């Protein structure tokens, strides 16, 4: 019974890592899209806004990446 619980905890941890990695990839892609859009807009205000949004996506990617490496706390 204890072995089953350990396997389930490990599987859950691996699944969370995969989800966080997918989120990180998605967030970085969105940041890249904002930077590309910023290069084609007409006004400096639009460019600034898009670059700020890109920075936000990158921060989200960093946070998701940290979550992928974090180990769950013991419940004992």
C-alpha atoms as a PDB file:
ATOM      1  CA  UNK A   1       0.000   0.000   0.000  1.00  0.00           C
ATOM      2  CA  UNK A   2       2.810   2.428   0.837  1.00  0.00           C
ATOM      3  CA  UNK A   3       4.482   1.691  -2.520  1.00  0.00           C
ATOM      4  CA  UNK A   4       1.273   2.639  -4.353  1.00  0.00           C
ATOM      5  CA  UNK A   5       1.160   5.989  -2.571  1.00  0.00           C
ATOM      6  CA  UNK A   6       4.791   6.701  -3.465  1.00  0.00           C
ATOM      7  CA  UNK A   7       4.160   5.853  -7.116  1.00  0.00           C
ATOM      8  CA  UNK A   8       1.109   8.146  -7.208  1.00  0.00           C
ATOM      9  CA  UNK A   9       3.057  11.017  -5.623  1.00  0.00           C
ATOM     10  CA  UNK A  10       5.890  10.564  -8.123  1.00  0.00           C
ATOM     11  CA  UNK A  11       3.475  10.393 -11.074  1.00  0.00           C
ATOM     12  CA  UNK A  12       1.720  13.552  -9.887  1.00  0.00           C
ATOM     13  CA  UNK A  13       5.035  15.386  -9.543  1.00  0.00           C
ATOM     14  CA  UNK A  14       6.102  14.374 -13.055  1.00  0.00           C
ATOM     15  CA  UNK A  15       2.746  15.444 -14.469  1.00  0.00           C
ATOM     16  CA  UNK A  16       3.053  18.863 -12.785  1.00  0.00           C
ATOM     17  CA  UNK A  17       6.548  19.263 -14.245  1.00  0.00           C
ATOM     18  CA  UNK A  18       5.239  18.480 -17.742  1.00  0.00           C
ATOM     19  CA  UNK A  19       2.379  20.962 -17.376  1.00  0.00           C
ATOM     20  CA  UNK A  20       4.700  23.678 -16.075  1.00  0.00           C
ATOM     21  CA  UNK A  21       7.162  23.049 -18.904  1.00  0.00           C
ATOM     22  CA  UNK A  22       4.336  23.355 -21.449  1.00  0.00           C
ATOM     23  CA  UNK A  23       3.205  26.595 -19.791  1.00  0.00           C
ATOM     24  CA  UNK A  24       6.761  27.937 -19.847  1.00  0.00           C
ATOM     25  CA  UNK A  25       7.065  27.195 -23.564  1.00  0.00           C
ATOM     26  CA  UNK A  26       3.682  28.793 -24.282  1.00  0.00           C
ATOM     27  CA  UNK A  27       4.490  31.924 -22.258  1.00  0.00           C
ATOM     28  CA  UNK A  28       7.857  32.368 -23.988  1.00  0.00           C
ATOM     29  CA  UNK A  29       6.194  31.991 -27.382  1.00  0.00           C
ATOM     30  CA  UNK A  30       3.644  34.660 -26.493  1.00  0.00           C
ATOM     31  CA  UNK A  31       6.441  36.990 -25.363  1.00  0.00           C
ATOM     32  CA  UNK A  32       8.210  36.441 -28.667  1.00  0.00           C
ATOM     33  CA  UNK A  33       5.008  37.249 -30.556  1.00  0.00           C
ATOM     34  CA  UNK A  34       4.660  40.515 -28.632  1.00  0.00           C
ATOM     35  CA  UNK A  35       8.231  41.498 -29.479  1.00  0.00           C
ATOM     36  CA  UNK A  36       7.619  40.733 -33.154  1.00  0.00           C
ATOM     37  CA  UNK A  37       4.417  42.778 -33.128  1.00  0.00           C
ATOM     38  CA  UNK A  38       6.212  45.643 -31.393  1.00  0.00           C
ATOM     39  CA  UNK A  39       8.567  45.868 -34.352  1.00  0.00           C
ATOM     40  CA  UNK A  40       5.690  46.526 -36.755  1.00  0.00           C
ATOM     41  CA  UNK A  41       3.444  48.958 -34.871  1.00  0.00           C
ATOM     42  CA  UNK A  42       3.228  52.621 -35.807  1.00  0.00           C
ATOM     43  CA  UNK A  43       3.484  54.483 -32.519  1.00  0.00           C
ATOM     44  CA  UNK A  44       6.043  54.405 -29.706  1.00  0.00           C
ATOM     45  CA  UNK A  45       3.188  54.004 -27.217  1.00  0.00           C
ATOM     46  CA  UNK A  46       2.018  50.811 -28.906  1.00  0.00           C
ATOM     47  CA  UNK A  47       5.581  49.512 -29.030  1.00  0.00           C
ATOM     48  CA  UNK A  48       6.101  50.249 -25.338  1.00  0.00           C
ATOM     49  CA  UNK A  49       2.826  48.567 -24.404  1.00  0.00           C
ATOM     50  CA  UNK A  50       3.675  45.406 -26.362  1.00  0.00           C
ATOM     51  CA  UNK A  51       7.176  45.234 -24.884  1.00  0.00           C
ATOM     52  CA  UNK A  52       5.710  45.539 -21.371  1.00  0.00           C
ATOM     53  CA  UNK A  53       3.311  42.700 -22.176  1.00  0.00           C
ATOM     54  CA  UNK A  54       6.260  40.637 -23.457  1.00  0.00           C
ATOM     55  CA  UNK A  55       8.084  41.256 -20.154  1.00  0.00           C
ATOM     56  CA  UNK A  56       5.027  40.047 -18.273  1.00  0.00           C
ATOM     57  CA  UNK A  57       4.893  36.842 -20.351  1.00  0.00           C
ATOM     58  CA  UNK A  58       8.594  36.255 -19.632  1.00  0.00           C
ATOM     59  CA  UNK A  59       8.033  36.695 -15.888  1.00  0.00           C
ATOM     60  CA  UNK A  60       5.179  34.181 -16.071  1.00  0.00           C
ATOM     61  CA  UNK A  61       7.492  31.771 -17.901  1.00  0.00           C
ATOM     62  CA  UNK A  62      10.139  32.158 -15.197  1.00  0.00           C
ATOM     63  CA  UNK A  63       7.581  31.529 -12.456  1.00  0.00           C
ATOM     64  CA  UNK A  64       6.206  28.474 -14.250  1.00  0.00           C
ATOM     65  CA  UNK A  65       9.767  27.201 -14.712  1.00  0.00           C
ATOM     66  CA  UNK A  66      10.457  27.570 -11.009  1.00  0.00           C
ATOM     67  CA  UNK A  67       7.254  25.664 -10.270  1.00  0.00           C
ATOM     68  CA  UNK A  68       8.468  22.809 -12.478  1.00  0.00           C
ATOM     69  CA  UNK A  69      11.597  22.471 -10.356  1.00  0.00           C
ATOM     70  CA  UNK A  70       9.926  22.925  -6.966  1.00  0.00           C
ATOM     71  CA  UNK A  71       9.362  19.830  -4.904  1.00  0.00           C
ATOM     72  CA  UNK A  72       6.042  19.491  -3.070  1.00  0.00           C
ATOM     73  CA  UNK A  73       6.192  19.923   0.706  1.00  0.00           C
ATOM     74  CA  UNK A  74       5.716  16.957   3.000  1.00  0.00           C
ATOM     75  CA  UNK A  75       2.216  16.557   4.413  1.00  0.00           C
ATOM     76  CA  UNK A  76       3.390  14.830   7.609  1.00  0.00           C
END
